[in-house]
């Protein structure tokens, strides 16, 4: 049986996709991750491919349109830099896209260890 972690950010197009990609690259057995937005935009960010190029997460990047957080059933929900009722909150401190990527990768690494 597979369990789902849902990473949510405001628009489901950047932060949540980075976290989900890193999680799926190193996911513990029986787990997978999806990304979503509180208020999804129409397309994922065009910066993601460049930002994740050369990382283990690059092969796990979702390319479909951002989904609405309320449309996904998950075993655990983590809201990244946004508030979502019932979700665990991750607030980042990064001042650049690269620093954000690295911060999310480190947090996801801790999460995969916790679940593994």
C-alpha atoms as a PDB file:
ATOM      1  CA  UNK A   1       0.000   0.000   0.000  1.00  0.00           C
ATOM      2  CA  UNK A   2       1.331   3.424  -0.921  1.00  0.00           C
ATOM      3  CA  UNK A   3       1.027   6.494   1.273  1.00  0.00           C
ATOM      4  CA  UNK A   4       0.994  10.040  -0.042  1.00  0.00           C
ATOM      5  CA  UNK A   5       2.621  13.227   1.133  1.00  0.00           C
ATOM      6  CA  UNK A   6       1.160  16.374  -0.370  1.00  0.00           C
ATOM      7  CA  UNK A   7       3.376  19.439  -0.566  1.00  0.00           C
ATOM      8  CA  UNK A   8       1.323  22.613  -0.963  1.00  0.00           C
ATOM      9  CA  UNK A   9       2.421  26.144  -1.805  1.00  0.00           C
ATOM     10  CA  UNK A  10       0.388  29.171  -2.783  1.00  0.00           C
ATOM     11  CA  UNK A  11       0.155  28.410  -6.521  1.00  0.00           C
ATOM     12  CA  UNK A  12       1.413  24.814  -6.767  1.00  0.00           C
ATOM     13  CA  UNK A  13       3.920  25.815  -9.389  1.00  0.00           C
ATOM     14  CA  UNK A  14       7.291  26.159  -7.659  1.00  0.00           C
ATOM     15  CA  UNK A  15       7.997  25.417  -3.967  1.00  0.00           C
ATOM     16  CA  UNK A  16       5.689  22.421  -3.667  1.00  0.00           C
ATOM     17  CA  UNK A  17       7.067  20.944  -6.901  1.00  0.00           C
ATOM     18  CA  UNK A  18      10.653  21.258  -5.710  1.00  0.00           C
ATOM     19  CA  UNK A  19       9.819  19.509  -2.421  1.00  0.00           C
ATOM     20  CA  UNK A  20       7.820  16.750  -4.139  1.00  0.00           C
ATOM     21  CA  UNK A  21      10.585  16.121  -6.678  1.00  0.00           C
ATOM     22  CA  UNK A  22      13.240  15.786  -3.979  1.00  0.00           C
ATOM     23  CA  UNK A  23      10.969  13.548  -1.910  1.00  0.00           C
ATOM     24  CA  UNK A  24      10.212  11.249  -4.852  1.00  0.00           C
ATOM     25  CA  UNK A  25      13.918  11.016  -5.715  1.00  0.00           C
ATOM     26  CA  UNK A  26      14.694   9.579  -2.272  1.00  0.00           C
ATOM     27  CA  UNK A  27      11.312   8.386  -1.079  1.00  0.00           C
ATOM     28  CA  UNK A  28      11.058   5.693   1.532  1.00  0.00           C
ATOM     29  CA  UNK A  29       9.441   2.431   0.477  1.00  0.00           C
ATOM     30  CA  UNK A  30       5.670   2.781   0.383  1.00  0.00           C
ATOM     31  CA  UNK A  31       5.589   6.575   0.050  1.00  0.00           C
ATOM     32  CA  UNK A  32       5.233   9.034  -2.824  1.00  0.00           C
ATOM     33  CA  UNK A  33       4.682  12.774  -3.038  1.00  0.00           C
ATOM     34  CA  UNK A  34       2.463  15.113  -5.023  1.00  0.00           C
ATOM     35  CA  UNK A  35       2.435  18.880  -5.266  1.00  0.00           C
ATOM     36  CA  UNK A  36      -0.528  21.240  -5.184  1.00  0.00           C
ATOM     37  CA  UNK A  37      -1.506  24.867  -4.671  1.00  0.00           C
ATOM     38  CA  UNK A  38      -3.988  26.691  -2.490  1.00  0.00           C
ATOM     39  CA  UNK A  39      -4.849  28.818  -5.527  1.00  0.00           C
ATOM     40  CA  UNK A  40      -3.204  26.973  -8.437  1.00  0.00           C
ATOM     41  CA  UNK A  41      -1.913  28.858 -11.428  1.00  0.00           C
ATOM     42  CA  UNK A  42      -2.294  27.436 -14.918  1.00  0.00           C
ATOM     43  CA  UNK A  43       1.292  26.288 -15.506  1.00  0.00           C
ATOM     44  CA  UNK A  44       4.321  25.233 -13.460  1.00  0.00           C
ATOM     45  CA  UNK A  45       7.170  27.703 -13.205  1.00  0.00           C
ATOM     46  CA  UNK A  46       9.494  27.730 -16.203  1.00  0.00           C
ATOM     47  CA  UNK A  47      12.465  28.077 -13.834  1.00  0.00           C
ATOM     48  CA  UNK A  48      12.127  24.585 -12.356  1.00  0.00           C
ATOM     49  CA  UNK A  49      13.992  22.678 -15.053  1.00  0.00           C
ATOM     50  CA  UNK A  50      17.010  24.970 -14.832  1.00  0.00           C
ATOM     51  CA  UNK A  51      16.947  25.052 -11.049  1.00  0.00           C
ATOM     52  CA  UNK A  52      16.840  21.263 -10.644  1.00  0.00           C
ATOM     53  CA  UNK A  53      19.126  20.382 -13.578  1.00  0.00           C
ATOM     54  CA  UNK A  54      21.839  17.976 -12.501  1.00  0.00           C
ATOM     55  CA  UNK A  55      20.104  16.992  -9.249  1.00  0.00           C
ATOM     56  CA  UNK A  56      18.475  13.686  -8.351  1.00  0.00           C
ATOM     57  CA  UNK A  57      15.165  15.555  -8.210  1.00  0.00           C
ATOM     58  CA  UNK A  58      15.265  16.567 -11.886  1.00  0.00           C
ATOM     59  CA  UNK A  59      13.908  13.203 -13.058  1.00  0.00           C
ATOM     60  CA  UNK A  60      10.992  13.423 -10.603  1.00  0.00           C
ATOM     61  CA  UNK A  61       9.688  16.871 -11.441  1.00  0.00           C
ATOM     62  CA  UNK A  62       5.954  16.968 -12.138  1.00  0.00           C
ATOM     63  CA  UNK A  63       5.143  18.574 -15.487  1.00  0.00           C
ATOM     64  CA  UNK A  64       1.340  18.579 -15.453  1.00  0.00           C
ATOM     65  CA  UNK A  65      -0.756  21.622 -14.565  1.00  0.00           C
ATOM     66  CA  UNK A  66      -0.791  22.542 -10.873  1.00  0.00           C
ATOM     67  CA  UNK A  67      -3.616  20.875  -8.956  1.00  0.00           C
ATOM     68  CA  UNK A  68      -5.783  22.312  -6.178  1.00  0.00           C
ATOM     69  CA  UNK A  69      -4.814  21.166  -2.684  1.00  0.00           C
ATOM     70  CA  UNK A  70      -8.415  20.317  -1.804  1.00  0.00           C
ATOM     71  CA  UNK A  71      -8.621  17.865  -4.715  1.00  0.00           C
ATOM     72  CA  UNK A  72      -5.955  15.522  -3.308  1.00  0.00           C
ATOM     73  CA  UNK A  73      -6.306  13.014  -0.487  1.00  0.00           C
ATOM     74  CA  UNK A  74      -3.037  12.588   1.377  1.00  0.00           C
ATOM     75  CA  UNK A  75      -1.732  10.879   4.496  1.00  0.00           C
ATOM     76  CA  UNK A  76       0.356  13.914   5.387  1.00  0.00           C
ATOM     77  CA  UNK A  77       0.151  17.498   4.138  1.00  0.00           C
ATOM     78  CA  UNK A  78       2.980  20.014   4.330  1.00  0.00           C
ATOM     79  CA  UNK A  79       2.312  23.654   3.455  1.00  0.00           C
ATOM     80  CA  UNK A  80       5.423  25.446   2.219  1.00  0.00           C
ATOM     81  CA  UNK A  81       5.410  29.213   2.849  1.00  0.00           C
ATOM     82  CA  UNK A  82       1.618  29.358   3.075  1.00  0.00           C
ATOM     83  CA  UNK A  83      -1.085  28.615   5.622  1.00  0.00           C
ATOM     84  CA  UNK A  84      -3.375  25.643   5.116  1.00  0.00           C
ATOM     85  CA  UNK A  85      -5.722  24.350   7.788  1.00  0.00           C
ATOM     86  CA  UNK A  86      -4.593  20.999   9.180  1.00  0.00           C
ATOM     87  CA  UNK A  87      -1.231  21.050   7.406  1.00  0.00           C
ATOM     88  CA  UNK A  88       2.243  21.006   8.885  1.00  0.00           C
ATOM     89  CA  UNK A  89       3.951  24.308   7.999  1.00  0.00           C
ATOM     90  CA  UNK A  90       7.399  24.779   6.563  1.00  0.00           C
ATOM     91  CA  UNK A  91       8.445  28.421   6.417  1.00  0.00           C
ATOM     92  CA  UNK A  92      11.603  29.018   4.410  1.00  0.00           C
ATOM     93  CA  UNK A  93      14.241  31.691   4.886  1.00  0.00           C
ATOM     94  CA  UNK A  94      15.900  31.581   1.486  1.00  0.00           C
ATOM     95  CA  UNK A  95      16.775  34.768  -0.347  1.00  0.00           C
ATOM     96  CA  UNK A  96      17.372  33.185  -3.763  1.00  0.00           C
ATOM     97  CA  UNK A  97      15.874  30.355  -5.813  1.00  0.00           C
ATOM     98  CA  UNK A  98      19.021  28.294  -5.360  1.00  0.00           C
ATOM     99  CA  UNK A  99      18.995  28.790  -1.591  1.00  0.00           C
ATOM    100  CA  UNK A 100      15.300  27.849  -1.526  1.00  0.00           C
ATOM    101  CA  UNK A 101      16.050  24.677  -3.508  1.00  0.00           C
ATOM    102  CA  UNK A 102      18.836  23.736  -1.110  1.00  0.00           C
ATOM    103  CA  UNK A 103      16.740  24.474   1.983  1.00  0.00           C
ATOM    104  CA  UNK A 104      13.842  22.372   0.696  1.00  0.00           C
ATOM    105  CA  UNK A 105      16.218  19.541  -0.261  1.00  0.00           C
ATOM    106  CA  UNK A 106      17.620  19.516   3.288  1.00  0.00           C
ATOM    107  CA  UNK A 107      14.159  19.510   4.873  1.00  0.00           C
ATOM    108  CA  UNK A 108      12.992  16.735   2.581  1.00  0.00           C
ATOM    109  CA  UNK A 109      16.097  14.731   3.469  1.00  0.00           C
ATOM    110  CA  UNK A 110      15.156  14.931   7.160  1.00  0.00           C
ATOM    111  CA  UNK A 111      11.577  13.961   6.330  1.00  0.00           C
ATOM    112  CA  UNK A 112      12.603  10.907   4.304  1.00  0.00           C
ATOM    113  CA  UNK A 113      14.832   9.761   7.163  1.00  0.00           C
ATOM    114  CA  UNK A 114      11.946  10.204   9.608  1.00  0.00           C
ATOM    115  CA  UNK A 115       9.609   8.133   7.431  1.00  0.00           C
ATOM    116  CA  UNK A 116      12.179   5.522   6.412  1.00  0.00           C
END
